[in-house]
Amino acid sequence: MSNPFIDTAIVFNDDGLGRADEALRHKLAVNYLRTLAELAHHPRAVLFYAAGVKLVAAGSPCLKELKELADAGVPLIACRTCLEYYGLVDKVEVGEIGNMPRIVEMQGQARKVVTV
């Protein structure tokens, strides 16, 4: 079976999944990322901007799952401008600090971009 994610970039632009209470958004994000990590095939990249950058920083409920994806070779790229806005540059625990050109580059390399 071909890799359905090989040309897919996943975007987190909020600190969880869906429009729900914070606890449910976080739980859904953990479940989503755990599922991605457990799959045999991984996305081209996972990108974080706006409030989504909170997921790669200290205190994030998703650090374990994100570290598993990073260990599997999936680039995790967080927007520096957004990290600076939230005061999180020094609190990033997983992935790389990128910029909008890097994020746009990764989106451009992907055949499909999925915002969750």
PDB file of N, CA and C in Angstrom:
ATOM      1  N   MET A   1       0.849  -1.188   0.000  1.00  0.00           N
ATOM      2  CA  MET A   1       0.000   0.000   0.000  1.00  0.00           C
ATOM      3  C   MET A   1       0.883   1.235   0.000  1.00  0.00           C
ATOM      4  N   SER A   2       0.536   2.208  -0.811  1.00  0.00           N
ATOM      5  CA  SER A   2       1.325   3.432  -0.864  1.00  0.00           C
ATOM      6  C   SER A   2       1.073   4.268   0.386  1.00  0.00           C
ATOM      7  N   ASN A   3       1.984   5.179   0.643  1.00  0.00           N
ATOM      8  CA  ASN A   3       1.882   6.037   1.806  1.00  0.00           C
ATOM      9  C   ASN A   3       0.907   7.176   1.529  1.00  0.00           C
ATOM     10  N   PRO A   4      -0.244   7.189   2.187  1.00  0.00           N
ATOM     11  CA  PRO A   4      -1.221   8.253   1.934  1.00  0.00           C
ATOM     12  C   PRO A   4      -0.777   9.607   2.484  1.00  0.00           C
ATOM     13  N   PHE A   5       0.246   9.617   3.346  1.00  0.00           N
ATOM     14  CA  PHE A   5       0.686  10.869   3.958  1.00  0.00           C
ATOM     15  C   PHE A   5       1.972  11.414   3.361  1.00  0.00           C
ATOM     16  N   ILE A   6       2.614  10.688   2.443  1.00  0.00           N
ATOM     17  CA  ILE A   6       3.947  11.085   1.996  1.00  0.00           C
ATOM     18  C   ILE A   6       3.965  12.510   1.443  1.00  0.00           C
ATOM     19  N   ASP A   7       2.901  12.916   0.839  1.00  0.00           N
ATOM     20  CA  ASP A   7       2.841  14.268   0.285  1.00  0.00           C
ATOM     21  C   ASP A   7       1.840  15.139   1.027  1.00  0.00           C
ATOM     22  N   THR A   8       1.709  14.903   2.334  1.00  0.00           N
ATOM     23  CA  THR A   8       0.751  15.654   3.140  1.00  0.00           C
ATOM     24  C   THR A   8       1.464  16.402   4.255  1.00  0.00           C
ATOM     25  N   ALA A   9       1.112  17.666   4.391  1.00  0.00           N
ATOM     26  CA  ALA A   9       1.569  18.466   5.533  1.00  0.00           C
ATOM     27  C   ALA A   9       0.355  18.690   6.437  1.00  0.00           C
ATOM     28  N   ILE A  10       0.554  18.456   7.712  1.00  0.00           N
ATOM     29  CA  ILE A  10      -0.501  18.656   8.702  1.00  0.00           C
ATOM     30  C   ILE A  10      -0.246  20.001   9.385  1.00  0.00           C
ATOM     31  N   VAL A  11      -1.276  20.817   9.516  1.00  0.00           N
ATOM     32  CA  VAL A  11      -1.150  22.136  10.131  1.00  0.00           C
ATOM     33  C   VAL A  11      -1.981  22.202  11.404  1.00  0.00           C
ATOM     34  N   PHE A  12      -1.335  22.626  12.478  1.00  0.00           N
ATOM     35  CA  PHE A  12      -2.036  22.966  13.713  1.00  0.00           C
ATOM     36  C   PHE A  12      -1.977  24.485  13.851  1.00  0.00           C
ATOM     37  N   ASN A  13      -3.131  25.133  13.802  1.00  0.00           N
ATOM     38  CA  ASN A  13      -3.161  26.584  13.999  1.00  0.00           C
ATOM     39  C   ASN A  13      -3.907  26.959  15.279  1.00  0.00           C
ATOM     40  N   ASP A  14      -4.146  25.966  16.121  1.00  0.00           N
ATOM     41  CA  ASP A  14      -4.735  26.191  17.437  1.00  0.00           C
ATOM     42  C   ASP A  14      -4.105  25.185  18.395  1.00  0.00           C
ATOM     43  N   ASP A  15      -4.306  25.388  19.672  1.00  0.00           N
ATOM     44  CA  ASP A  15      -3.649  24.531  20.667  1.00  0.00           C
ATOM     45  C   ASP A  15      -4.453  23.280  20.981  1.00  0.00           C
ATOM     46  N   GLY A  16      -5.075  22.727  19.981  1.00  0.00           N
ATOM     47  CA  GLY A  16      -5.855  21.512  20.127  1.00  0.00           C
ATOM     48  C   GLY A  16      -6.639  21.256  18.865  1.00  0.00           C
ATOM     49  N   LEU A  17      -7.576  20.344  18.943  1.00  0.00           N
ATOM     50  CA  LEU A  17      -8.396  19.986  17.793  1.00  0.00           C
ATOM     51  C   LEU A  17      -9.844  20.387  18.046  1.00  0.00           C
ATOM     52  N   GLY A  18     -10.440  20.970  17.048  1.00  0.00           N
ATOM     53  CA  GLY A  18     -11.855  21.285  17.097  1.00  0.00           C
ATOM     54  C   GLY A  18     -12.193  22.510  17.909  1.00  0.00           C
ATOM     55  N   ARG A  19     -13.485  22.752  17.982  1.00  0.00           N
ATOM     56  CA  ARG A  19     -14.007  23.869  18.766  1.00  0.00           C
ATOM     57  C   ARG A  19     -14.746  23.277  19.949  1.00  0.00           C
ATOM     58  N   ALA A  20     -14.031  23.202  21.045  1.00  0.00           N
ATOM     59  CA  ALA A  20     -14.587  22.579  22.246  1.00  0.00           C
ATOM     60  C   ALA A  20     -13.859  23.145  23.450  1.00  0.00           C
ATOM     61  N   ASP A  21     -14.218  22.670  24.622  1.00  0.00           N
ATOM     62  CA  ASP A  21     -13.496  23.070  25.821  1.00  0.00           C
ATOM     63  C   ASP A  21     -12.031  22.689  25.672  1.00  0.00           C
ATOM     64  N   GLU A  22     -11.162  23.415  26.367  1.00  0.00           N
ATOM     65  CA  GLU A  22      -9.726  23.189  26.261  1.00  0.00           C
ATOM     66  C   GLU A  22      -9.345  21.734  26.530  1.00  0.00           C
ATOM     67  N   ALA A  23      -9.893  21.131  27.563  1.00  0.00           N
ATOM     68  CA  ALA A  23      -9.541  19.758  27.910  1.00  0.00           C
ATOM     69  C   ALA A  23      -9.875  18.793  26.771  1.00  0.00           C
ATOM     70  N   LEU A  24     -11.012  18.971  26.146  1.00  0.00           N
ATOM     71  CA  LEU A  24     -11.398  18.097  25.036  1.00  0.00           C
ATOM     72  C   LEU A  24     -10.523  18.377  23.811  1.00  0.00           C
ATOM     73  N   ARG A  25     -10.256  19.634  23.503  1.00  0.00           N
ATOM     74  CA  ARG A  25      -9.364  19.978  22.376  1.00  0.00           C
ATOM     75  C   ARG A  25      -8.003  19.311  22.556  1.00  0.00           C
ATOM     76  N   HIS A  26      -7.475  19.379  23.782  1.00  0.00           N
ATOM     77  CA  HIS A  26      -6.166  18.781  24.059  1.00  0.00           C
ATOM     78  C   HIS A  26      -6.220  17.261  23.927  1.00  0.00           C
ATOM     79  N   LYS A  27      -7.260  16.655  24.458  1.00  0.00           N
ATOM     80  CA  LYS A  27      -7.395  15.195  24.382  1.00  0.00           C
ATOM     81  C   LYS A  27      -7.482  14.747  22.928  1.00  0.00           C
ATOM     82  N   LEU A  28      -8.241  15.461  22.126  1.00  0.00           N
ATOM     83  CA  LEU A  28      -8.356  15.115  20.713  1.00  0.00           C
ATOM     84  C   LEU A  28      -7.021  15.262  19.992  1.00  0.00           C
ATOM     85  N   ALA A  29      -6.267  16.306  20.316  1.00  0.00           N
ATOM     86  CA  ALA A  29      -4.951  16.507  19.703  1.00  0.00           C
ATOM     87  C   ALA A  29      -4.003  15.368  20.072  1.00  0.00           C
ATOM     88  N   VAL A  30      -3.997  14.978  21.336  1.00  0.00           N
ATOM     89  CA  VAL A  30      -3.164  13.853  21.776  1.00  0.00           C
ATOM     90  C   VAL A  30      -3.551  12.592  21.010  1.00  0.00           C
ATOM     91  N   ASN A  31      -4.837  12.304  20.932  1.00  0.00           N
ATOM     92  CA  ASN A  31      -5.300  11.105  20.229  1.00  0.00           C
ATOM     93  C   ASN A  31      -4.921  11.145  18.749  1.00  0.00           C
ATOM     94  N   TYR A  32      -5.077  12.298  18.127  1.00  0.00           N
ATOM     95  CA  TYR A  32      -4.749  12.450  16.705  1.00  0.00           C
ATOM     96  C   TYR A  32      -3.258  12.204  16.477  1.00  0.00           C
ATOM     97  N   LEU A  33      -2.427  12.858  17.274  1.00  0.00           N
ATOM     98  CA  LEU A  33      -0.981  12.716  17.113  1.00  0.00           C
ATOM     99  C   LEU A  33      -0.500  11.309  17.457  1.00  0.00           C
ATOM    100  N   ARG A  34      -1.099  10.684  18.460  1.00  0.00           N
ATOM    101  CA  ARG A  34      -0.751   9.303  18.796  1.00  0.00           C
ATOM    102  C   ARG A  34      -1.074   8.388  17.619  1.00  0.00           C
ATOM    103  N   THR A  35      -2.222   8.603  17.010  1.00  0.00           N
ATOM    104  CA  THR A  35      -2.614   7.800  15.856  1.00  0.00           C
ATOM    105  C   THR A  35      -1.633   7.999  14.707  1.00  0.00           C
ATOM    106  N   LEU A  36      -1.252   9.244  14.437  1.00  0.00           N
ATOM    107  CA  LEU A  36      -0.254   9.508  13.391  1.00  0.00           C
ATOM    108  C   LEU A  36       1.055   8.781  13.690  1.00  0.00           C
ATOM    109  N   ALA A  37       1.489   8.840  14.945  1.00  0.00           N
ATOM    110  CA  ALA A  37       2.760   8.218  15.335  1.00  0.00           C
ATOM    111  C   ALA A  37       2.704   6.698  15.199  1.00  0.00           C
ATOM    112  N   GLU A  38       1.541   6.106  15.415  1.00  0.00           N
ATOM    113  CA  GLU A  38       1.397   4.651  15.369  1.00  0.00           C
ATOM    114  C   GLU A  38       1.264   4.108  13.949  1.00  0.00           C
ATOM    115  N   LEU A  39       0.941   4.967  12.999  1.00  0.00           N
ATOM    116  CA  LEU A  39       0.784   4.520  11.621  1.00  0.00           C
ATOM    117  C   LEU A  39       2.140   4.149  11.026  1.00  0.00           C
ATOM    118  N   ALA A  40       2.115   3.241  10.086  1.00  0.00           N
ATOM    119  CA  ALA A  40       3.351   2.847   9.415  1.00  0.00           C
ATOM    120  C   ALA A  40       3.877   3.979   8.531  1.00  0.00           C
ATOM    121  N   HIS A  41       2.997   4.835   8.074  1.00  0.00           N
ATOM    122  CA  HIS A  41       3.370   5.934   7.187  1.00  0.00           C
ATOM    123  C   HIS A  41       3.088   7.255   7.889  1.00  0.00           C
ATOM    124  N   HIS A  42       4.001   8.186   7.716  1.00  0.00           N
ATOM    125  CA  HIS A  42       3.879   9.471   8.407  1.00  0.00           C
ATOM    126  C   HIS A  42       3.745  10.616   7.408  1.00  0.00           C
ATOM    127  N   PRO A  43       3.242  11.750   7.867  1.00  0.00           N
ATOM    128  CA  PRO A  43       3.128  12.912   6.975  1.00  0.00           C
ATOM    129  C   PRO A  43       4.505  13.480   6.634  1.00  0.00           C
ATOM    130  N   ARG A  44       4.545  14.284   5.604  1.00  0.00           N
ATOM    131  CA  ARG A  44       5.771  14.962   5.183  1.00  0.00           C
ATOM    132  C   ARG A  44       6.262  15.891   6.284  1.00  0.00           C
ATOM    133  N   ALA A  45       5.325  16.569   6.963  1.00  0.00           N
ATOM    134  CA  ALA A  45       5.690  17.506   8.031  1.00  0.00           C
ATOM    135  C   ALA A  45       4.454  17.822   8.852  1.00  0.00           C
ATOM    136  N   VAL A  46       4.696  18.270  10.084  1.00  0.00           N
ATOM    137  CA  VAL A  46       3.627  18.832  10.911  1.00  0.00           C
ATOM    138  C   VAL A  46       4.059  20.262  11.213  1.00  0.00           C
ATOM    139  N   LEU A  47       3.192  21.201  10.891  1.00  0.00           N
ATOM    140  CA  LEU A  47       3.494  22.623  10.969  1.00  0.00           C
ATOM    141  C   LEU A  47       2.625  23.282  12.027  1.00  0.00           C
ATOM    142  N   PHE A  48       3.214  24.226  12.747  1.00  0.00           N
ATOM    143  CA  PHE A  48       2.519  24.884  13.849  1.00  0.00           C
ATOM    144  C   PHE A  48       2.642  26.392  13.697  1.00  0.00           C
ATOM    145  N   TYR A  49       1.500  27.059  13.702  1.00  0.00           N
ATOM    146  CA  TYR A  49       1.517  28.518  13.752  1.00  0.00           C
ATOM    147  C   TYR A  49       0.305  29.006  14.524  1.00  0.00           C
ATOM    148  N   ALA A  50       0.261  30.318  14.746  1.00  0.00           N
ATOM    149  CA  ALA A  50      -0.748  30.920  15.629  1.00  0.00           C
ATOM    150  C   ALA A  50      -0.685  30.175  16.975  1.00  0.00           C
ATOM    151  N   ALA A  51      -1.832  29.915  17.605  1.00  0.00           N
ATOM    152  CA  ALA A  51      -1.829  29.262  18.916  1.00  0.00           C
ATOM    153  C   ALA A  51      -1.361  27.810  18.844  1.00  0.00           C
ATOM    154  N   GLY A  52      -1.241  27.259  17.658  1.00  0.00           N
ATOM    155  CA  GLY A  52      -0.752  25.893  17.501  1.00  0.00           C
ATOM    156  C   GLY A  52       0.659  25.697  18.038  1.00  0.00           C
ATOM    157  N   VAL A  53       1.451  26.774  18.082  1.00  0.00           N
ATOM    158  CA  VAL A  53       2.828  26.648  18.587  1.00  0.00           C
ATOM    159  C   VAL A  53       2.860  26.234  20.053  1.00  0.00           C
ATOM    160  N   LYS A  54       1.781  26.438  20.764  1.00  0.00           N
ATOM    161  CA  LYS A  54       1.738  26.045  22.179  1.00  0.00           C
ATOM    162  C   LYS A  54       1.887  24.535  22.341  1.00  0.00           C
ATOM    163  N   LEU A  55       1.601  23.779  21.295  1.00  0.00           N
ATOM    164  CA  LEU A  55       1.680  22.323  21.375  1.00  0.00           C
ATOM    165  C   LEU A  55       3.110  21.794  21.420  1.00  0.00           C
ATOM    166  N   VAL A  56       4.086  22.597  20.972  1.00  0.00           N
ATOM    167  CA  VAL A  56       5.483  22.133  20.975  1.00  0.00           C
ATOM    168  C   VAL A  56       6.263  22.650  22.178  1.00  0.00           C
ATOM    169  N   ALA A  57       5.606  23.389  23.050  1.00  0.00           N
ATOM    170  CA  ALA A  57       6.281  24.045  24.174  1.00  0.00           C
ATOM    171  C   ALA A  57       6.009  23.327  25.499  1.00  0.00           C
ATOM    172  N   ALA A  58       6.828  23.651  26.480  1.00  0.00           N
ATOM    173  CA  ALA A  58       6.674  23.092  27.826  1.00  0.00           C
ATOM    174  C   ALA A  58       5.227  23.209  28.280  1.00  0.00           C
ATOM    175  N   GLY A  59       4.728  22.142  28.879  1.00  0.00           N
ATOM    176  CA  GLY A  59       3.359  22.131  29.377  1.00  0.00           C
ATOM    177  C   GLY A  59       2.351  21.599  28.377  1.00  0.00           C
ATOM    178  N   SER A  60       2.778  21.350  27.157  1.00  0.00           N
ATOM    179  CA  SER A  60       1.867  20.818  26.145  1.00  0.00           C
ATOM    180  C   SER A  60       1.455  19.402  26.500  1.00  0.00           C
ATOM    181  N   PRO A  61       0.189  19.071  26.289  1.00  0.00           N
ATOM    182  CA  PRO A  61      -0.255  17.700  26.554  1.00  0.00           C
ATOM    183  C   PRO A  61       0.209  16.718  25.484  1.00  0.00           C
ATOM    184  N   CYS A  62       0.806  17.217  24.406  1.00  0.00           N
ATOM    185  CA  CYS A  62       1.144  16.386  23.240  1.00  0.00           C
ATOM    186  C   CYS A  62       2.625  16.090  23.088  1.00  0.00           C
ATOM    187  N   LEU A  63       3.441  16.448  24.041  1.00  0.00           N
ATOM    188  CA  LEU A  63       4.892  16.331  23.861  1.00  0.00           C
ATOM    189  C   LEU A  63       5.346  14.899  23.573  1.00  0.00           C
ATOM    190  N   LYS A  64       4.797  13.938  24.279  1.00  0.00           N
ATOM    191  CA  LYS A  64       5.197  12.537  24.077  1.00  0.00           C
ATOM    192  C   LYS A  64       4.928  12.109  22.635  1.00  0.00           C
ATOM    193  N   GLU A  65       3.749  12.395  22.143  1.00  0.00           N
ATOM    194  CA  GLU A  65       3.364  11.995  20.793  1.00  0.00           C
ATOM    195  C   GLU A  65       4.187  12.750  19.746  1.00  0.00           C
ATOM    196  N   LEU A  66       4.432  14.025  20.001  1.00  0.00           N
ATOM    197  CA  LEU A  66       5.236  14.806  19.062  1.00  0.00           C
ATOM    198  C   LEU A  66       6.679  14.310  19.030  1.00  0.00           C
ATOM    199  N   LYS A  67       7.217  13.941  20.183  1.00  0.00           N
ATOM    200  CA  LYS A  67       8.581  13.403  20.216  1.00  0.00           C
ATOM    201  C   LYS A  67       8.658  12.088  19.446  1.00  0.00           C
ATOM    202  N   GLU A  68       7.628  11.271  19.522  1.00  0.00           N
ATOM    203  CA  GLU A  68       7.604  10.027  18.756  1.00  0.00           C
ATOM    204  C   GLU A  68       7.625  10.306  17.255  1.00  0.00           C
ATOM    205  N   LEU A  69       6.854  11.299  16.822  1.00  0.00           N
ATOM    206  CA  LEU A  69       6.864  11.666  15.406  1.00  0.00           C
ATOM    207  C   LEU A  69       8.231  12.208  14.989  1.00  0.00           C
ATOM    208  N   ALA A  70       8.807  13.071  15.826  1.00  0.00           N
ATOM    209  CA  ALA A  70      10.130  13.625  15.523  1.00  0.00           C
ATOM    210  C   ALA A  70      11.167  12.510  15.451  1.00  0.00           C
ATOM    211  N   ASP A  71      11.099  11.561  16.372  1.00  0.00           N
ATOM    212  CA  ASP A  71      12.032  10.429  16.374  1.00  0.00           C
ATOM    213  C   ASP A  71      11.862   9.560  15.130  1.00  0.00           C
ATOM    214  N   ALA A  72      10.679   9.570  14.558  1.00  0.00           N
ATOM    215  CA  ALA A  72      10.411   8.817  13.332  1.00  0.00           C
ATOM    216  C   ALA A  72      10.839   9.591  12.088  1.00  0.00           C
ATOM    217  N   GLY A  73      11.386  10.806  12.284  1.00  0.00           N
ATOM    218  CA  GLY A  73      11.895  11.588  11.162  1.00  0.00           C
ATOM    219  C   GLY A  73      10.933  12.597  10.579  1.00  0.00           C
ATOM    220  N   VAL A  74       9.797  12.813  11.230  1.00  0.00           N
ATOM    221  CA  VAL A  74       8.830  13.790  10.730  1.00  0.00           C
ATOM    222  C   VAL A  74       9.268  15.189  11.174  1.00  0.00           C
ATOM    223  N   PRO A  75       9.483  16.110  10.226  1.00  0.00           N
ATOM    224  CA  PRO A  75       9.816  17.474  10.614  1.00  0.00           C
ATOM    225  C   PRO A  75       8.630  18.134  11.328  1.00  0.00           C
ATOM    226  N   LEU A  76       8.911  18.729  12.468  1.00  0.00           N
ATOM    227  CA  LEU A  76       7.925  19.502  13.227  1.00  0.00           C
ATOM    228  C   LEU A  76       8.438  20.930  13.216  1.00  0.00           C
ATOM    229  N   ILE A  77       7.701  21.830  12.594  1.00  0.00           N
ATOM    230  CA  ILE A  77       8.196  23.187  12.396  1.00  0.00           C
ATOM    231  C   ILE A  77       7.230  24.183  13.019  1.00  0.00           C
ATOM    232  N   ALA A  78       7.739  24.967  13.962  1.00  0.00           N
ATOM    233  CA  ALA A  78       6.927  25.962  14.669  1.00  0.00           C
ATOM    234  C   ALA A  78       7.349  27.369  14.243  1.00  0.00           C
ATOM    235  N   CYS A  79       6.386  28.222  14.047  1.00  0.00           N
ATOM    236  CA  CYS A  79       6.602  29.597  13.602  1.00  0.00           C
ATOM    237  C   CYS A  79       7.261  30.431  14.707  1.00  0.00           C
ATOM    238  N   ARG A  80       8.442  30.991  14.398  1.00  0.00           N
ATOM    239  CA  ARG A  80       9.169  31.820  15.366  1.00  0.00           C
ATOM    240  C   ARG A  80       8.349  33.049  15.781  1.00  0.00           C
ATOM    241  N   THR A  81       7.732  33.717  14.843  1.00  0.00           N
ATOM    242  CA  THR A  81       6.945  34.911  15.158  1.00  0.00           C
ATOM    243  C   THR A  81       5.861  34.586  16.171  1.00  0.00           C
ATOM    244  N   CYS A  82       5.209  33.445  15.989  1.00  0.00           N
ATOM    245  CA  CYS A  82       4.137  33.033  16.894  1.00  0.00           C
ATOM    246  C   CYS A  82       4.700  32.661  18.261  1.00  0.00           C
ATOM    247  N   LEU A  83       5.824  31.943  18.270  1.00  0.00           N
ATOM    248  CA  LEU A  83       6.472  31.602  19.545  1.00  0.00           C
ATOM    249  C   LEU A  83       6.872  32.862  20.302  1.00  0.00           C
ATOM    250  N   GLU A  84       7.409  33.838  19.588  1.00  0.00           N
ATOM    251  CA  GLU A  84       7.786  35.102  20.232  1.00  0.00           C
ATOM    252  C   GLU A  84       6.556  35.806  20.788  1.00  0.00           C
ATOM    253  N   TYR A  85       5.479  35.806  20.026  1.00  0.00           N
ATOM    254  CA  TYR A  85       4.245  36.466  20.456  1.00  0.00           C
ATOM    255  C   TYR A  85       3.750  35.891  21.784  1.00  0.00           C
ATOM    256  N   TYR A  86       3.817  34.573  21.911  1.00  0.00           N
ATOM    257  CA  TYR A  86       3.347  33.907  23.135  1.00  0.00           C
ATOM    258  C   TYR A  86       4.435  33.763  24.195  1.00  0.00           C
ATOM    259  N   GLY A  87       5.633  34.270  23.925  1.00  0.00           N
ATOM    260  CA  GLY A  87       6.722  34.171  24.896  1.00  0.00           C
ATOM    261  C   GLY A  87       7.196  32.747  25.100  1.00  0.00           C
ATOM    262  N   LEU A  88       7.222  31.947  24.036  1.00  0.00           N
ATOM    263  CA  LEU A  88       7.530  30.523  24.148  1.00  0.00           C
ATOM    264  C   LEU A  88       8.835  30.100  23.469  1.00  0.00           C
ATOM    265  N   VAL A  89       9.588  31.022  22.924  1.00  0.00           N
ATOM    266  CA  VAL A  89      10.798  30.644  22.182  1.00  0.00           C
ATOM    267  C   VAL A  89      11.724  29.785  23.042  1.00  0.00           C
ATOM    268  N   ASP A  90      11.903  30.154  24.292  1.00  0.00           N
ATOM    269  CA  ASP A  90      12.800  29.416  25.176  1.00  0.00           C
ATOM    270  C   ASP A  90      12.149  28.185  25.805  1.00  0.00           C
ATOM    271  N   LYS A  91      10.890  27.924  25.457  1.00  0.00           N
ATOM    272  CA  LYS A  91      10.175  26.798  26.059  1.00  0.00           C
ATOM    273  C   LYS A  91       9.859  25.687  25.064  1.00  0.00           C
ATOM    274  N   VAL A  92      10.389  25.807  23.854  1.00  0.00           N
ATOM    275  CA  VAL A  92      10.147  24.776  22.839  1.00  0.00           C
ATOM    276  C   VAL A  92      10.854  23.495  23.271  1.00  0.00           C
ATOM    277  N   GLU A  93      10.120  22.391  23.286  1.00  0.00           N
ATOM    278  CA  GLU A  93      10.680  21.112  23.730  1.00  0.00           C
ATOM    279  C   GLU A  93      10.787  20.078  22.625  1.00  0.00           C
ATOM    280  N   VAL A  94      10.197  20.344  21.482  1.00  0.00           N
ATOM    281  CA  VAL A  94      10.249  19.387  20.384  1.00  0.00           C
ATOM    282  C   VAL A  94      10.126  20.145  19.063  1.00  0.00           C
ATOM    283  N   GLY A  95      10.800  19.618  18.054  1.00  0.00           N
ATOM    284  CA  GLY A  95      10.718  20.217  16.735  1.00  0.00           C
ATOM    285  C   GLY A  95      11.713  21.341  16.547  1.00  0.00           C
ATOM    286  N   GLU A  96      11.551  22.022  15.433  1.00  0.00           N
ATOM    287  CA  GLU A  96      12.445  23.119  15.092  1.00  0.00           C
ATOM    288  C   GLU A  96      11.689  24.435  15.069  1.00  0.00           C
ATOM    289  N   ILE A  97      12.413  25.474  15.382  1.00  0.00           N
ATOM    290  CA  ILE A  97      11.856  26.817  15.271  1.00  0.00           C
ATOM    291  C   ILE A  97      12.131  27.273  13.850  1.00  0.00           C
ATOM    292  N   GLY A  98      11.064  27.506  13.133  1.00  0.00           N
ATOM    293  CA  GLY A  98      11.183  27.933  11.747  1.00  0.00           C
ATOM    294  C   GLY A  98      10.593  29.319  11.574  1.00  0.00           C
ATOM    295  N   ASN A  99      10.389  29.667  10.343  1.00  0.00           N
ATOM    296  CA  ASN A  99       9.762  30.947  10.035  1.00  0.00           C
ATOM    297  C   ASN A  99       8.706  30.704   8.963  1.00  0.00           C
ATOM    298  N   MET A 100       7.985  31.740   8.610  1.00  0.00           N
ATOM    299  CA  MET A 100       6.903  31.561   7.644  1.00  0.00           C
ATOM    300  C   MET A 100       7.421  31.100   6.281  1.00  0.00           C
ATOM    301  N   PRO A 101       8.573  31.587   5.793  1.00  0.00           N
ATOM    302  CA  PRO A 101       9.069  31.035   4.527  1.00  0.00           C
ATOM    303  C   PRO A 101       9.313  29.517   4.602  1.00  0.00           C
ATOM    304  N   ARG A 102       9.815  29.028   5.725  1.00  0.00           N
ATOM    305  CA  ARG A 102      10.043  27.578   5.889  1.00  0.00           C
ATOM    306  C   ARG A 102       8.723  26.826   5.900  1.00  0.00           C
ATOM    307  N   ILE A 103       7.727  27.378   6.583  1.00  0.00           N
ATOM    308  CA  ILE A 103       6.403  26.747   6.633  1.00  0.00           C
ATOM    309  C   ILE A 103       5.774  26.721   5.244  1.00  0.00           C
ATOM    310  N   VAL A 104       5.856  27.843   4.537  1.00  0.00           N
ATOM    311  CA  VAL A 104       5.300  27.910   3.181  1.00  0.00           C
ATOM    312  C   VAL A 104       6.039  26.949   2.251  1.00  0.00           C
ATOM    313  N   GLU A 105       7.354  26.833   2.417  1.00  0.00           N
ATOM    314  CA  GLU A 105       8.140  25.890   1.625  1.00  0.00           C
ATOM    315  C   GLU A 105       7.634  24.461   1.836  1.00  0.00           C
ATOM    316  N   MET A 106       7.427  24.071   3.088  1.00  0.00           N
ATOM    317  CA  MET A 106       6.945  22.724   3.370  1.00  0.00           C
ATOM    318  C   MET A 106       5.534  22.507   2.815  1.00  0.00           C
ATOM    319  N   GLN A 107       4.696  23.525   2.893  1.00  0.00           N
ATOM    320  CA  GLN A 107       3.367  23.399   2.309  1.00  0.00           C
ATOM    321  C   GLN A 107       3.449  23.261   0.792  1.00  0.00           C
ATOM    322  N   GLY A 108       4.377  24.001   0.196  1.00  0.00           N
ATOM    323  CA  GLY A 108       4.543  23.941  -1.253  1.00  0.00           C
ATOM    324  C   GLY A 108       5.066  22.599  -1.729  1.00  0.00           C
ATOM    325  N   GLN A 109       5.860  21.915  -0.902  1.00  0.00           N
ATOM    326  CA  GLN A 109       6.380  20.601  -1.258  1.00  0.00           C
ATOM    327  C   GLN A 109       5.323  19.511  -1.108  1.00  0.00           C
ATOM    328  N   ALA A 110       4.295  19.797  -0.344  1.00  0.00           N
ATOM    329  CA  ALA A 110       3.242  18.813  -0.098  1.00  0.00           C
ATOM    330  C   ALA A 110       2.199  18.879  -1.211  1.00  0.00           C
ATOM    331  N   ARG A 111       1.694  17.739  -1.558  1.00  0.00           N
ATOM    332  CA  ARG A 111       0.610  17.696  -2.534  1.00  0.00           C
ATOM    333  C   ARG A 111      -0.715  18.099  -1.865  1.00  0.00           C
ATOM    334  N   LYS A 112      -0.781  17.830  -0.556  1.00  0.00           N
ATOM    335  CA  LYS A 112      -2.012  18.118   0.191  1.00  0.00           C
ATOM    336  C   LYS A 112      -1.630  18.736   1.536  1.00  0.00           C
ATOM    337  N   VAL A 113      -2.368  19.753   1.957  1.00  0.00           N
ATOM    338  CA  VAL A 113      -2.183  20.381   3.267  1.00  0.00           C
ATOM    339  C   VAL A 113      -3.491  20.207   4.035  1.00  0.00           C
ATOM    340  N   VAL A 114      -3.390  19.600   5.206  1.00  0.00           N
ATOM    341  CA  VAL A 114      -4.569  19.347   6.044  1.00  0.00           C
ATOM    342  C   VAL A 114      -4.439  20.189   7.304  1.00  0.00           C
ATOM    343  N   THR A 115      -5.410  21.051   7.530  1.00  0.00           N
ATOM    344  CA  THR A 115      -5.449  21.838   8.757  1.00  0.00           C
ATOM    345  C   THR A 115      -6.403  21.166   9.722  1.00  0.00           C
ATOM    346  N   VAL A 116      -5.866  20.856  10.919  1.00  0.00           N
ATOM    347  CA  VAL A 116      -6.691  20.159  11.913  1.00  0.00           C
ATOM    348  C   VAL A 116      -7.022  21.071  13.069  1.00  0.00           C
TER     349      VAL A 116
END
